[in-house]
C-alpha atoms as a PDB file:
ATOM      1  CA  MET A   1     -10.132 -13.117  39.208  1.00  0.00           C
ATOM      2  CA  SER A   2     -13.001 -15.266  37.920  1.00  0.00           C
ATOM      3  CA  ASN A   3     -14.479 -18.293  39.555  1.00  0.00           C
ATOM      4  CA  SER A   4     -12.610 -20.483  36.955  1.00  0.00           C
ATOM      5  CA  ASP A   5      -9.286 -19.206  38.411  1.00  0.00           C
ATOM      6  CA  LEU A   6     -10.396 -20.960  41.799  1.00  0.00           C
ATOM      7  CA  LEU A   7     -10.184 -24.690  41.919  1.00  0.00           C
ATOM      8  CA  THR A   8     -11.844 -27.035  44.519  1.00  0.00           C
ATOM      9  CA  VAL A   9     -10.049 -29.487  46.608  1.00  0.00           C
ATOM     10  CA  ALA A  10     -11.462 -32.318  44.348  1.00  0.00           C
ATOM     11  CA  GLU A  11     -10.320 -30.605  41.272  1.00  0.00           C
ATOM     12  CA  VAL A  12      -6.674 -30.006  42.636  1.00  0.00           C
ATOM     13  CA  ALA A  13      -6.578 -33.592  43.793  1.00  0.00           C
ATOM     14  CA  ARG A  14      -7.501 -34.726  40.320  1.00  0.00           C
ATOM     15  CA  ILE A  15      -4.998 -32.641  38.735  1.00  0.00           C
ATOM     16  CA  LEU A  16      -2.266 -33.858  41.078  1.00  0.00           C
ATOM     17  CA  ARG A  17      -3.511 -37.540  41.091  1.00  0.00           C
ATOM     18  CA  VAL A  18      -3.729 -37.429  44.933  1.00  0.00           C
ATOM     19  CA  ASP A  19      -6.424 -38.002  47.358  1.00  0.00           C
ATOM     20  CA  GLY A  20      -8.519 -34.866  48.515  1.00  0.00           C
ATOM     21  CA  THR A  21      -7.329 -35.494  52.101  1.00  0.00           C
ATOM     22  CA  THR A  22      -3.638 -34.987  50.954  1.00  0.00           C
ATOM     23  CA  VAL A  23      -4.668 -31.766  49.404  1.00  0.00           C
ATOM     24  CA  ARG A  24      -6.432 -30.522  52.674  1.00  0.00           C
ATOM     25  CA  ARG A  25      -3.303 -31.724  54.769  1.00  0.00           C
ATOM     26  CA  TRP A  26      -1.024 -29.606  52.411  1.00  0.00           C
ATOM     27  CA  VAL A  27      -3.217 -26.674  52.882  1.00  0.00           C
ATOM     28  CA  LYS A  28      -3.152 -27.144  56.730  1.00  0.00           C
ATOM     29  CA  GLN A  29       0.660 -27.625  56.542  1.00  0.00           C
ATOM     30  CA  GLY A  30       1.127 -24.361  54.552  1.00  0.00           C
ATOM     31  CA  VAL A  31       2.531 -26.370  51.788  1.00  0.00           C
ATOM     32  CA  LEU A  32      -0.296 -25.168  49.340  1.00  0.00           C
ATOM     33  CA  GLU A  33      -1.755 -21.789  49.613  1.00  0.00           C
ATOM     34  CA  ALA A  34      -5.717 -21.695  49.762  1.00  0.00           C
ATOM     35  CA  VAL A  35      -8.486 -19.274  50.131  1.00  0.00           C
ATOM     36  CA  VAL A  36     -10.634 -20.269  53.081  1.00  0.00           C
ATOM     37  CA  LEU A  37     -14.283 -19.994  52.623  1.00  0.00           C
ATOM     38  CA  PRO A  38     -16.767 -19.508  55.472  1.00  0.00           C
ATOM     39  CA  HIS A  39     -18.523 -22.831  56.188  1.00  0.00           C
ATOM     40  CA  VAL A  40     -21.544 -24.141  58.049  1.00  0.00           C
ATOM     41  CA  ASN A  41     -20.599 -27.877  57.795  1.00  0.00           C
ATOM     42  CA  THR A  42     -17.872 -29.552  59.952  1.00  0.00           C
ATOM     43  CA  ARG A  43     -15.474 -29.761  57.141  1.00  0.00           C
ATOM     44  CA  GLN A  44     -13.604 -26.606  56.103  1.00  0.00           C
ATOM     45  CA  ALA A  45     -14.030 -25.493  52.543  1.00  0.00           C
ATOM     46  CA  TYR A  46     -10.977 -24.182  50.565  1.00  0.00           C
ATOM     47  CA  ARG A  47     -10.312 -22.883  47.082  1.00  0.00           C
ATOM     48  CA  ILE A  48      -6.952 -22.963  45.401  1.00  0.00           C
ATOM     49  CA  LYS A  49      -5.912 -20.374  42.895  1.00  0.00           C
ATOM     50  CA  ARG A  50      -5.012 -21.841  39.745  1.00  0.00           C
ATOM     51  CA  GLU A  51      -1.945 -19.562  39.320  1.00  0.00           C
ATOM     52  CA  THR A  52      -0.742 -20.826  42.872  1.00  0.00           C
ATOM     53  CA  LEU A  53      -0.974 -24.391  41.573  1.00  0.00           C
ATOM     54  CA  ASN A  54       0.794 -23.689  38.367  1.00  0.00           C
ATOM     55  CA  LYS A  55       3.567 -21.793  40.032  1.00  0.00           C
ATOM     56  CA  MET A  56       4.086 -24.643  42.511  1.00  0.00           C
ATOM     57  CA  LEU A  57       4.073 -27.263  39.707  1.00  0.00           C
ATOM     58  CA  GLY A  58       6.518 -25.259  37.759  1.00  0.00           C
ATOM     59  CA  GLU A  59       8.821 -25.023  40.924  1.00  0.00           C
ATOM     60  CA  GLY A  60       8.649 -28.731  41.358  1.00  0.00           C
ATOM     61  CA  VAL A  61       7.442 -28.163  45.088  1.00  0.00           C
ATOM     62  CA  LEU A  62       5.054 -30.877  45.016  1.00  0.00           C
ATOM     63  CA  GLN A  63       6.827 -33.458  43.008  1.00  0.00           C
END
């Protein structure tokens, strides 16, 4: 898996045309699977696999 296969919350939000807060909520609710990155800041960092996003869009889970 290359770095281009991992999308940031902002990239996923732009693709889905939603706010980043919505993407984070979906991750916390288990609707969207994400890789949790170690963090120093107060906000948790996530990366979403491109294949996970494509699969969910194909199944209409987020529509």
